[in-house]
Amino acid sequence: MDFNKAKTILNSSKEAVYTDKEIKEILKVLENLKIVFINNQIKSKNNEKRNHLCKSINR
């Protein structure tokens, strides 16, 4: 996500205003979560295929 867009979204609430450093840290955390999520999805898809093959062999 674009930094300026993230800044606008995060600072739209009048309760808390985030600094540029905080916004960059939030974006880094979200990027890392995205990578972990994608990797887990890929691994689970691979395991689903393998499990299906193992079930048919063991019958």
PDB file of N, CA and C in Angstrom:
ATOM      1  N   MET A   1       0.840  -1.171   0.000  1.00  0.00           N
ATOM      2  CA  MET A   1       0.000   0.000   0.000  1.00  0.00           C
ATOM      3  C   MET A   1       0.887   1.236   0.000  1.00  0.00           C
ATOM      4  N   ASP A   2       0.423   2.237  -0.647  1.00  0.00           N
ATOM      5  CA  ASP A   2       1.126   3.502  -0.714  1.00  0.00           C
ATOM      6  C   ASP A   2       1.159   4.152   0.669  1.00  0.00           C
ATOM      7  N   PHE A   3       2.308   4.726   1.029  1.00  0.00           N
ATOM      8  CA  PHE A   3       2.491   5.336   2.343  1.00  0.00           C
ATOM      9  C   PHE A   3       1.472   6.447   2.594  1.00  0.00           C
ATOM     10  N   ASN A   4       1.272   7.310   1.626  1.00  0.00           N
ATOM     11  CA  ASN A   4       0.337   8.427   1.821  1.00  0.00           C
ATOM     12  C   ASN A   4      -1.093   7.947   2.003  1.00  0.00           C
ATOM     13  N   LYS A   5      -1.468   6.894   1.278  1.00  0.00           N
ATOM     14  CA  LYS A   5      -2.805   6.343   1.419  1.00  0.00           C
ATOM     15  C   LYS A   5      -2.978   5.725   2.810  1.00  0.00           C
ATOM     16  N   ALA A   6      -1.948   4.992   3.257  1.00  0.00           N
ATOM     17  CA  ALA A   6      -1.996   4.399   4.590  1.00  0.00           C
ATOM     18  C   ALA A   6      -2.082   5.489   5.657  1.00  0.00           C
ATOM     19  N   LYS A   7      -1.334   6.552   5.476  1.00  0.00           N
ATOM     20  CA  LYS A   7      -1.339   7.659   6.434  1.00  0.00           C
ATOM     21  C   LYS A   7      -2.725   8.292   6.513  1.00  0.00           C
ATOM     22  N   THR A   8      -3.355   8.481   5.369  1.00  0.00           N
ATOM     23  CA  THR A   8      -4.692   9.061   5.341  1.00  0.00           C
ATOM     24  C   THR A   8      -5.695   8.163   6.057  1.00  0.00           C
ATOM     25  N   ILE A   9      -5.621   6.863   5.799  1.00  0.00           N
ATOM     26  CA  ILE A   9      -6.550   5.913   6.421  1.00  0.00           C
ATOM     27  C   ILE A   9      -6.328   5.852   7.925  1.00  0.00           C
ATOM     28  N   LEU A  10      -5.075   5.727   8.341  1.00  0.00           N
ATOM     29  CA  LEU A  10      -4.786   5.597   9.769  1.00  0.00           C
ATOM     30  C   LEU A  10      -5.088   6.873  10.540  1.00  0.00           C
ATOM     31  N   ASN A  11      -4.891   8.006   9.936  1.00  0.00           N
ATOM     32  CA  ASN A  11      -5.099   9.268  10.647  1.00  0.00           C
ATOM     33  C   ASN A  11      -6.497   9.852  10.426  1.00  0.00           C
ATOM     34  N   SER A  12      -7.389   9.086   9.799  1.00  0.00           N
ATOM     35  CA  SER A  12      -8.749   9.578   9.593  1.00  0.00           C
ATOM     36  C   SER A  12      -9.515   9.643  10.917  1.00  0.00           C
ATOM     37  N   SER A  13      -9.108   8.817  11.875  1.00  0.00           N
ATOM     38  CA  SER A  13      -9.706   8.858  13.203  1.00  0.00           C
ATOM     39  C   SER A  13      -9.098  10.031  13.972  1.00  0.00           C
ATOM     40  N   LYS A  14      -9.935  10.801  14.615  1.00  0.00           N
ATOM     41  CA  LYS A  14      -9.436  11.957  15.353  1.00  0.00           C
ATOM     42  C   LYS A  14      -8.915  11.568  16.734  1.00  0.00           C
ATOM     43  N   GLU A  15      -9.136  10.318  17.139  1.00  0.00           N
ATOM     44  CA  GLU A  15      -8.695   9.875  18.459  1.00  0.00           C
ATOM     45  C   GLU A  15      -7.177   9.755  18.530  1.00  0.00           C
ATOM     46  N   ALA A  16      -6.576   9.198  17.514  1.00  0.00           N
ATOM     47  CA  ALA A  16      -5.125   8.978  17.535  1.00  0.00           C
ATOM     48  C   ALA A  16      -4.526   9.405  16.206  1.00  0.00           C
ATOM     49  N   VAL A  17      -3.428  10.113  16.291  1.00  0.00           N
ATOM     50  CA  VAL A  17      -2.710  10.509  15.082  1.00  0.00           C
ATOM     51  C   VAL A  17      -1.364   9.798  15.114  1.00  0.00           C
ATOM     52  N   TYR A  18      -1.074   9.049  14.052  1.00  0.00           N
ATOM     53  CA  TYR A  18       0.155   8.264  13.985  1.00  0.00           C
ATOM     54  C   TYR A  18       1.264   9.080  13.317  1.00  0.00           C
ATOM     55  N   THR A  19       2.474   8.878  13.822  1.00  0.00           N
ATOM     56  CA  THR A  19       3.629   9.535  13.207  1.00  0.00           C
ATOM     57  C   THR A  19       4.042   8.758  11.972  1.00  0.00           C
ATOM     58  N   ASP A  20       4.894   9.354  11.153  1.00  0.00           N
ATOM     59  CA  ASP A  20       5.376   8.671   9.947  1.00  0.00           C
ATOM     60  C   ASP A  20       6.110   7.386  10.312  1.00  0.00           C
ATOM     61  N   LYS A  21       6.889   7.432  11.390  1.00  0.00           N
ATOM     62  CA  LYS A  21       7.641   6.246  11.824  1.00  0.00           C
ATOM     63  C   LYS A  21       6.683   5.122  12.221  1.00  0.00           C
ATOM     64  N   GLU A  22       5.629   5.455  12.942  1.00  0.00           N
ATOM     65  CA  GLU A  22       4.649   4.447  13.353  1.00  0.00           C
ATOM     66  C   GLU A  22       3.941   3.847  12.145  1.00  0.00           C
ATOM     67  N   ILE A  23       3.618   4.670  11.189  1.00  0.00           N
ATOM     68  CA  ILE A  23       2.944   4.176   9.982  1.00  0.00           C
ATOM     69  C   ILE A  23       3.853   3.230   9.214  1.00  0.00           C
ATOM     70  N   LYS A  24       5.132   3.568   9.108  1.00  0.00           N
ATOM     71  CA  LYS A  24       6.087   2.680   8.425  1.00  0.00           C
ATOM     72  C   LYS A  24       6.199   1.352   9.153  1.00  0.00           C
ATOM     73  N   GLU A  25       6.199   1.373  10.485  1.00  0.00           N
ATOM     74  CA  GLU A  25       6.263   0.135  11.262  1.00  0.00           C
ATOM     75  C   GLU A  25       4.999  -0.701  11.064  1.00  0.00           C
ATOM     76  N   ILE A  26       3.859  -0.059  11.032  1.00  0.00           N
ATOM     77  CA  ILE A  26       2.596  -0.770  10.801  1.00  0.00           C
ATOM     78  C   ILE A  26       2.611  -1.427   9.428  1.00  0.00           C
ATOM     79  N   LEU A  27       3.082  -0.698   8.422  1.00  0.00           N
ATOM     80  CA  LEU A  27       3.152  -1.263   7.069  1.00  0.00           C
ATOM     81  C   LEU A  27       4.109  -2.450   7.015  1.00  0.00           C
ATOM     82  N   LYS A  28       5.231  -2.387   7.739  1.00  0.00           N
ATOM     83  CA  LYS A  28       6.174  -3.512   7.776  1.00  0.00           C
ATOM     84  C   LYS A  28       5.529  -4.734   8.418  1.00  0.00           C
ATOM     85  N   VAL A  29       4.810  -4.525   9.514  1.00  0.00           N
ATOM     86  CA  VAL A  29       4.140  -5.642  10.185  1.00  0.00           C
ATOM     87  C   VAL A  29       3.103  -6.274   9.266  1.00  0.00           C
ATOM     88  N   LEU A  30       2.325  -5.437   8.599  1.00  0.00           N
ATOM     89  CA  LEU A  30       1.310  -5.960   7.676  1.00  0.00           C
ATOM     90  C   LEU A  30       1.944  -6.717   6.513  1.00  0.00           C
ATOM     91  N   GLU A  31       3.071  -6.218   6.011  1.00  0.00           N
ATOM     92  CA  GLU A  31       3.773  -6.905   4.922  1.00  0.00           C
ATOM     93  C   GLU A  31       4.253  -8.281   5.387  1.00  0.00           C
ATOM     94  N   ASN A  32       4.794  -8.353   6.608  1.00  0.00           N
ATOM     95  CA  ASN A  32       5.255  -9.637   7.146  1.00  0.00           C
ATOM     96  C   ASN A  32       4.093 -10.597   7.362  1.00  0.00           C
ATOM     97  N   LEU A  33       2.979 -10.091   7.862  1.00  0.00           N
ATOM     98  CA  LEU A  33       1.801 -10.936   8.033  1.00  0.00           C
ATOM     99  C   LEU A  33       1.301 -11.466   6.692  1.00  0.00           C
ATOM    100  N   LYS A  34       1.361 -10.623   5.680  1.00  0.00           N
ATOM    101  CA  LYS A  34       0.942 -11.043   4.338  1.00  0.00           C
ATOM    102  C   LYS A  34       1.828 -12.189   3.845  1.00  0.00           C
ATOM    103  N   ILE A  35       3.130 -12.072   4.037  1.00  0.00           N
ATOM    104  CA  ILE A  35       4.061 -13.116   3.594  1.00  0.00           C
ATOM    105  C   ILE A  35       3.791 -14.421   4.327  1.00  0.00           C
ATOM    106  N   VAL A  36       3.593 -14.341   5.646  1.00  0.00           N
ATOM    107  CA  VAL A  36       3.314 -15.544   6.435  1.00  0.00           C
ATOM    108  C   VAL A  36       2.004 -16.181   5.978  1.00  0.00           C
ATOM    109  N   PHE A  37       0.983 -15.375   5.765  1.00  0.00           N
ATOM    110  CA  PHE A  37      -0.317 -15.888   5.333  1.00  0.00           C
ATOM    111  C   PHE A  37      -0.208 -16.589   3.986  1.00  0.00           C
ATOM    112  N   ILE A  38       0.466 -15.968   3.051  1.00  0.00           N
ATOM    113  CA  ILE A  38       0.610 -16.557   1.718  1.00  0.00           C
ATOM    114  C   ILE A  38       1.389 -17.866   1.796  1.00  0.00           C
ATOM    115  N   ASN A  39       2.472 -17.870   2.557  1.00  0.00           N
ATOM    116  CA  ASN A  39       3.260 -19.104   2.694  1.00  0.00           C
ATOM    117  C   ASN A  39       2.442 -20.220   3.328  1.00  0.00           C
ATOM    118  N   ASN A  40       1.634 -19.886   4.341  1.00  0.00           N
ATOM    119  CA  ASN A  40       0.791 -20.901   4.970  1.00  0.00           C
ATOM    120  C   ASN A  40      -0.262 -21.425   4.004  1.00  0.00           C
ATOM    121  N   GLN A  41      -0.809 -20.546   3.187  1.00  0.00           N
ATOM    122  CA  GLN A  41      -1.796 -20.982   2.203  1.00  0.00           C
ATOM    123  C   GLN A  41      -1.168 -21.928   1.178  1.00  0.00           C
ATOM    124  N   ILE A  42       0.022 -21.598   0.744  1.00  0.00           N
ATOM    125  CA  ILE A  42       0.718 -22.448  -0.229  1.00  0.00           C
ATOM    126  C   ILE A  42       1.013 -23.811   0.393  1.00  0.00           C
ATOM    127  N   LYS A  43       1.506 -23.814   1.617  1.00  0.00           N
ATOM    128  CA  LYS A  43       1.822 -25.081   2.285  1.00  0.00           C
ATOM    129  C   LYS A  43       0.576 -25.909   2.518  1.00  0.00           C
ATOM    130  N   SER A  44      -0.519 -25.277   2.905  1.00  0.00           N
ATOM    131  CA  SER A  44      -1.737 -26.045   3.156  1.00  0.00           C
ATOM    132  C   SER A  44      -2.283 -26.629   1.861  1.00  0.00           C
ATOM    133  N   LYS A  45      -2.168 -25.902   0.765  1.00  0.00           N
ATOM    134  CA  LYS A  45      -2.612 -26.439  -0.527  1.00  0.00           C
ATOM    135  C   LYS A  45      -1.761 -27.636  -0.925  1.00  0.00           C
ATOM    136  N   ASN A  46      -0.447 -27.533  -0.706  1.00  0.00           N
ATOM    137  CA  ASN A  46       0.439 -28.653  -1.029  1.00  0.00           C
ATOM    138  C   ASN A  46       0.116 -29.860  -0.156  1.00  0.00           C
ATOM    139  N   ASN A  47      -0.160 -29.633   1.117  1.00  0.00           N
ATOM    140  CA  ASN A  47      -0.504 -30.738   2.016  1.00  0.00           C
ATOM    141  C   ASN A  47      -1.835 -31.358   1.645  1.00  0.00           C
ATOM    142  N   GLU A  48      -2.783 -30.550   1.209  1.00  0.00           N
ATOM    143  CA  GLU A  48      -4.066 -31.097   0.787  1.00  0.00           C
ATOM    144  C   GLU A  48      -3.888 -32.043  -0.387  1.00  0.00           C
ATOM    145  N   LYS A  49      -3.060 -31.674  -1.343  1.00  0.00           N
ATOM    146  CA  LYS A  49      -2.824 -32.539  -2.494  1.00  0.00           C
ATOM    147  C   LYS A  49      -2.142 -33.825  -2.052  1.00  0.00           C
ATOM    148  N   ARG A  50      -1.155 -33.710  -1.190  1.00  0.00           N
ATOM    149  CA  ARG A  50      -0.442 -34.890  -0.728  1.00  0.00           C
ATOM    150  C   ARG A  50      -1.352 -35.789   0.091  1.00  0.00           C
ATOM    151  N   ASN A  51      -2.152 -35.212   0.962  1.00  0.00           N
ATOM    152  CA  ASN A  51      -3.051 -36.014   1.775  1.00  0.00           C
ATOM    153  C   ASN A  51      -4.055 -36.772   0.913  1.00  0.00           C
ATOM    154  N   HIS A  52      -4.534 -36.143  -0.128  1.00  0.00           N
ATOM    155  CA  HIS A  52      -5.471 -36.801  -1.015  1.00  0.00           C
ATOM    156  C   HIS A  52      -4.798 -38.016  -1.677  1.00  0.00           C
ATOM    157  N   LEU A  53      -3.559 -37.838  -2.119  1.00  0.00           N
ATOM    158  CA  LEU A  53      -2.848 -38.945  -2.741  1.00  0.00           C
ATOM    159  C   LEU A  53      -2.559 -40.047  -1.742  1.00  0.00           C
ATOM    160  N   CYS A  54      -2.200 -39.683  -0.517  1.00  0.00           N
ATOM    161  CA  CYS A  54      -1.905 -40.691   0.499  1.00  0.00           C
ATOM    162  C   CYS A  54      -3.160 -41.494   0.851  1.00  0.00           C
ATOM    163  N   LYS A  55      -4.308 -40.849   0.916  1.00  0.00           N
ATOM    164  CA  LYS A  55      -5.539 -41.545   1.240  1.00  0.00           C
ATOM    165  C   LYS A  55      -5.873 -42.570   0.151  1.00  0.00           C
ATOM    166  N   SER A  56      -5.677 -42.206  -1.112  1.00  0.00           N
ATOM    167  CA  SER A  56      -6.024 -43.131  -2.180  1.00  0.00           C
ATOM    168  C   SER A  56      -5.054 -44.308  -2.236  1.00  0.00           C
ATOM    169  N   ILE A  57      -3.830 -44.104  -1.825  1.00  0.00           N
ATOM    170  CA  ILE A  57      -2.835 -45.193  -1.829  1.00  0.00           C
ATOM    171  C   ILE A  57      -3.117 -46.161  -0.683  1.00  0.00           C
ATOM    172  N   ASN A  58      -3.520 -45.634   0.461  1.00  0.00           N
ATOM    173  CA  ASN A  58      -3.726 -46.456   1.649  1.00  0.00           C
ATOM    174  C   ASN A  58      -5.031 -47.237   1.635  1.00  0.00           C
ATOM    175  N   ARG A  59      -5.874 -47.042   0.671  1.00  0.00           N
ATOM    176  CA  ARG A  59      -7.164 -47.747   0.629  1.00  0.00           C
ATOM    177  C   ARG A  59      -7.014 -49.140   0.167  1.00  0.00           C
TER     178      ARG A  59
END
